[in-house]
N, C-alpha and C. Protein backbone atom coordinates (compact mmCIF):
# COMPACT_ATOMS: atom_id res chain seq x y z
N MET A 1 0.79 -1.34 -0.02
CA MET A 1 0.14 -0.05 -0.09
C MET A 1 1.04 1.52 0.27
N ASP A 2 1.91 1.17 0.90
CA ASP A 2 2.70 2.63 0.58
C ASP A 2 3.51 2.53 -0.45
N SER A 3 3.58 1.69 -1.14
CA SER A 3 4.44 1.78 -2.45
C SER A 3 3.29 2.57 -3.40
N GLN A 4 2.26 1.90 -3.42
CA GLN A 4 1.23 2.42 -4.12
C GLN A 4 1.27 4.18 -4.02
N GLN A 5 0.73 4.38 -2.64
CA GLN A 5 0.49 5.60 -2.87
C GLN A 5 2.13 6.32 -3.19
N TYR A 6 3.21 5.83 -2.84
CA TYR A 6 4.38 6.77 -3.76
C TYR A 6 4.22 6.62 -4.92
N LEU A 7 3.90 5.47 -5.83
CA LEU A 7 3.87 5.60 -7.06
C LEU A 7 2.56 6.13 -7.75
N SER A 8 1.73 6.26 -7.44
CA SER A 8 0.66 6.92 -8.00
C SER A 8 0.82 8.16 -8.70
N SER A 9 1.37 8.95 -8.06
CA SER A 9 1.71 10.50 -8.68
C SER A 9 2.68 10.28 -9.57
N ARG A 10 3.54 9.23 -10.12
CA ARG A 10 4.61 9.13 -10.81
C ARG A 10 4.25 7.96 -12.03
N TYR A 11 3.15 7.90 -12.35
CA TYR A 11 3.05 6.92 -13.33
C TYR A 11 3.19 8.07 -14.69
N ALA A 12 2.94 9.17 -14.47
CA ALA A 12 2.72 10.01 -16.13
C ALA A 12 3.44 11.41 -15.52
N ASP A 13 3.92 11.80 -16.30
CA ASP A 13 4.99 13.24 -16.39
C ASP A 13 3.84 14.05 -16.61
N THR A 14 3.36 15.21 -15.90
CA THR A 14 2.45 15.98 -16.30
C THR A 14 3.00 17.08 -17.51
N GLY A 15 4.57 16.96 -17.37
CA GLY A 15 5.21 17.77 -18.33
C GLY A 15 5.21 17.38 -19.84
N ARG A 16 4.84 16.15 -19.96
CA ARG A 16 5.12 15.65 -21.68
C ARG A 16 3.61 14.85 -21.76
N ARG A 17 3.67 14.49 -23.31
CA ARG A 17 2.46 13.78 -23.66
C ARG A 17 2.72 12.45 -23.13
N TRP A 18 1.55 11.48 -22.73
CA TRP A 18 1.67 10.13 -22.38
C TRP A 18 2.50 9.54 -23.46
N GLY A 19 3.38 8.44 -22.96
CA GLY A 19 4.28 7.71 -23.78
C GLY A 19 5.45 8.41 -24.55
N GLN A 20 5.48 9.82 -24.40
CA GLN A 20 6.19 10.46 -25.16
C GLN A 20 7.89 9.90 -24.59
N GLN A 21 8.62 9.23 -25.70
CA GLN A 21 10.23 8.51 -25.64
C GLN A 21 10.73 9.84 -25.79
N ASP A 22 12.30 9.61 -25.50
CA ASP A 22 13.25 10.62 -25.84
C ASP A 22 14.54 10.14 -25.95
N ALA A 23 15.59 10.75 -26.58
CA ALA A 23 16.98 9.82 -27.02
C ALA A 23 17.45 9.45 -25.98
N ALA A 24 17.70 10.38 -24.60
CA ALA A 24 18.50 10.25 -23.70
C ALA A 24 18.12 8.71 -23.11
N ALA A 25 16.97 8.08 -22.76
CA ALA A 25 17.00 7.24 -22.06
C ALA A 25 17.17 5.86 -23.38
N TRP A 26 16.86 6.20 -24.60
CA TRP A 26 16.89 5.22 -25.36
C TRP A 26 18.58 5.13 -26.05
N HIS A 27 19.29 5.88 -25.68
CA HIS A 27 20.88 5.85 -26.18
C HIS A 27 21.79 5.63 -24.99
N GLY A 28 21.30 6.07 -23.99
CA GLY A 28 22.10 5.54 -22.74
C GLY A 28 22.42 4.02 -22.41
N TYR A 29 21.43 3.18 -22.21
CA TYR A 29 22.06 1.90 -21.98
C TYR A 29 22.83 1.13 -23.13
N PRO A 30 21.97 1.42 -24.32
CA PRO A 30 22.89 0.65 -25.51
C PRO A 30 23.87 0.84 -25.71
N GLN A 31 24.25 2.58 -25.42
CA GLN A 31 25.73 2.76 -25.87
C GLN A 31 26.35 2.17 -24.82
N PHE A 32 25.89 1.98 -23.47
CA PHE A 32 26.54 1.58 -22.25
C PHE A 32 27.25 -0.11 -22.79
N ILE A 33 25.98 -0.82 -23.79
CA ILE A 33 26.35 -2.24 -24.05
C ILE A 33 27.05 -2.25 -24.92
N LEU A 34 27.49 -1.27 -25.80
CA LEU A 34 28.17 -1.12 -27.26
C LEU A 34 29.68 -1.12 -26.68
N HIS A 35 29.68 -0.10 -25.81
CA HIS A 35 31.19 0.17 -25.35
C HIS A 35 31.53 -0.96 -24.58
N ALA A 36 30.88 -2.10 -24.02
CA ALA A 36 31.35 -2.85 -23.15
C ALA A 36 31.37 -4.17 -24.15
N ASN A 37 31.41 -4.06 -25.17
CA ASN A 37 31.38 -4.94 -26.13
C ASN A 37 30.31 -6.19 -26.24
N GLY A 38 29.41 -5.74 -25.89
CA GLY A 38 28.27 -6.86 -25.62
C GLY A 38 27.08 -7.14 -26.50
N VAL A 39 27.25 -6.55 -27.81
CA VAL A 39 26.14 -6.90 -28.95
C VAL A 39 27.35 -7.56 -29.85
N LYS A 40 26.73 -8.79 -30.10
CA LYS A 40 27.64 -9.68 -31.55
C LYS A 40 26.53 -9.58 -32.55
N ASP A 41 27.14 -9.65 -33.94
CA ASP A 41 26.21 -10.05 -34.96
C ASP A 41 25.77 -11.37 -35.00
N ALA A 42 25.36 -12.20 -36.14
CA ALA A 42 24.97 -13.47 -36.32
C ALA A 42 26.49 -14.37 -36.46
N ASN A 43 27.49 -13.60 -36.46
CA ASN A 43 28.72 -14.36 -37.17
C ASN A 43 29.60 -14.11 -35.53
N GLY A 44 28.85 -13.55 -34.61
CA GLY A 44 29.78 -13.60 -33.47
C GLY A 44 30.95 -12.37 -33.48
N LYS A 45 30.75 -11.47 -34.55
CA LYS A 45 31.59 -10.30 -34.47
C LYS A 45 30.90 -9.02 -33.73
N THR A 46 31.94 -8.12 -32.70
CA THR A 46 31.60 -7.51 -32.06
C THR A 46 30.87 -6.34 -32.88
N VAL A 47 29.72 -6.01 -32.50
CA VAL A 47 28.93 -4.83 -33.09
C VAL A 47 29.77 -3.32 -32.52
N THR A 48 29.88 -2.25 -33.05
CA THR A 48 30.37 -1.21 -32.39
C THR A 48 29.40 -0.05 -32.52
N SER A 49 28.51 -0.03 -33.02
CA SER A 49 27.64 1.21 -33.49
C SER A 49 26.02 0.81 -34.02
N LEU A 50 25.21 1.20 -33.63
CA LEU A 50 24.05 1.14 -34.03
C LEU A 50 23.25 2.62 -34.04
N ASN A 51 22.32 2.36 -35.17
CA ASN A 51 21.27 3.80 -35.41
C ASN A 51 20.33 3.75 -34.19
N LEU A 52 20.66 4.32 -33.28
CA LEU A 52 19.95 4.16 -31.96
C LEU A 52 18.53 5.10 -31.89
N ASP A 53 18.64 5.93 -32.91
CA ASP A 53 17.47 6.41 -33.10
C ASP A 53 16.33 5.98 -33.78
N SER A 54 16.81 4.67 -34.36
CA SER A 54 16.01 3.66 -34.77
C SER A 54 15.21 2.80 -33.69
N LEU A 55 15.44 2.69 -32.41
CA LEU A 55 15.33 1.96 -31.38
C LEU A 55 13.86 2.34 -31.01
N TYR A 56 13.41 3.55 -31.09
CA TYR A 56 12.09 4.17 -30.39
C TYR A 56 11.48 5.23 -31.35
N THR A 57 10.36 5.09 -31.62
CA THR A 57 9.61 6.44 -32.36
C THR A 57 8.35 6.82 -31.26
N ASN A 58 8.11 8.02 -31.64
CA ASN A 58 6.68 9.10 -31.23
C ASN A 58 5.89 9.31 -32.31
N GLN A 59 6.22 8.48 -33.06
CA GLN A 59 5.02 8.63 -34.20
C GLN A 59 3.63 8.13 -34.10
N PHE A 60 3.31 7.31 -33.31
CA PHE A 60 2.14 6.73 -33.23
C PHE A 60 1.26 7.39 -31.91
N LEU A 61 1.90 8.18 -31.44
CA LEU A 61 0.97 8.82 -30.11
C LEU A 61 0.16 9.71 -30.57
N PRO A 62 -0.72 9.80 -29.89
CA PRO A 62 -2.01 10.79 -29.82
C PRO A 62 -1.49 12.28 -30.08
């Protein structure tokens, strides 16, 4: 119950459209994984870069 009271006001940021995605959230973690050589292609070769902007879209938001 205490956790619900804490979280209920944080489900949606009142300053943005619901569901709005931003580059910071979608670039940070993948960039970390790339720098740690954690992504491999089908041949086992380390992937060093990706088009991180292709990982998300805001196109379908109301």
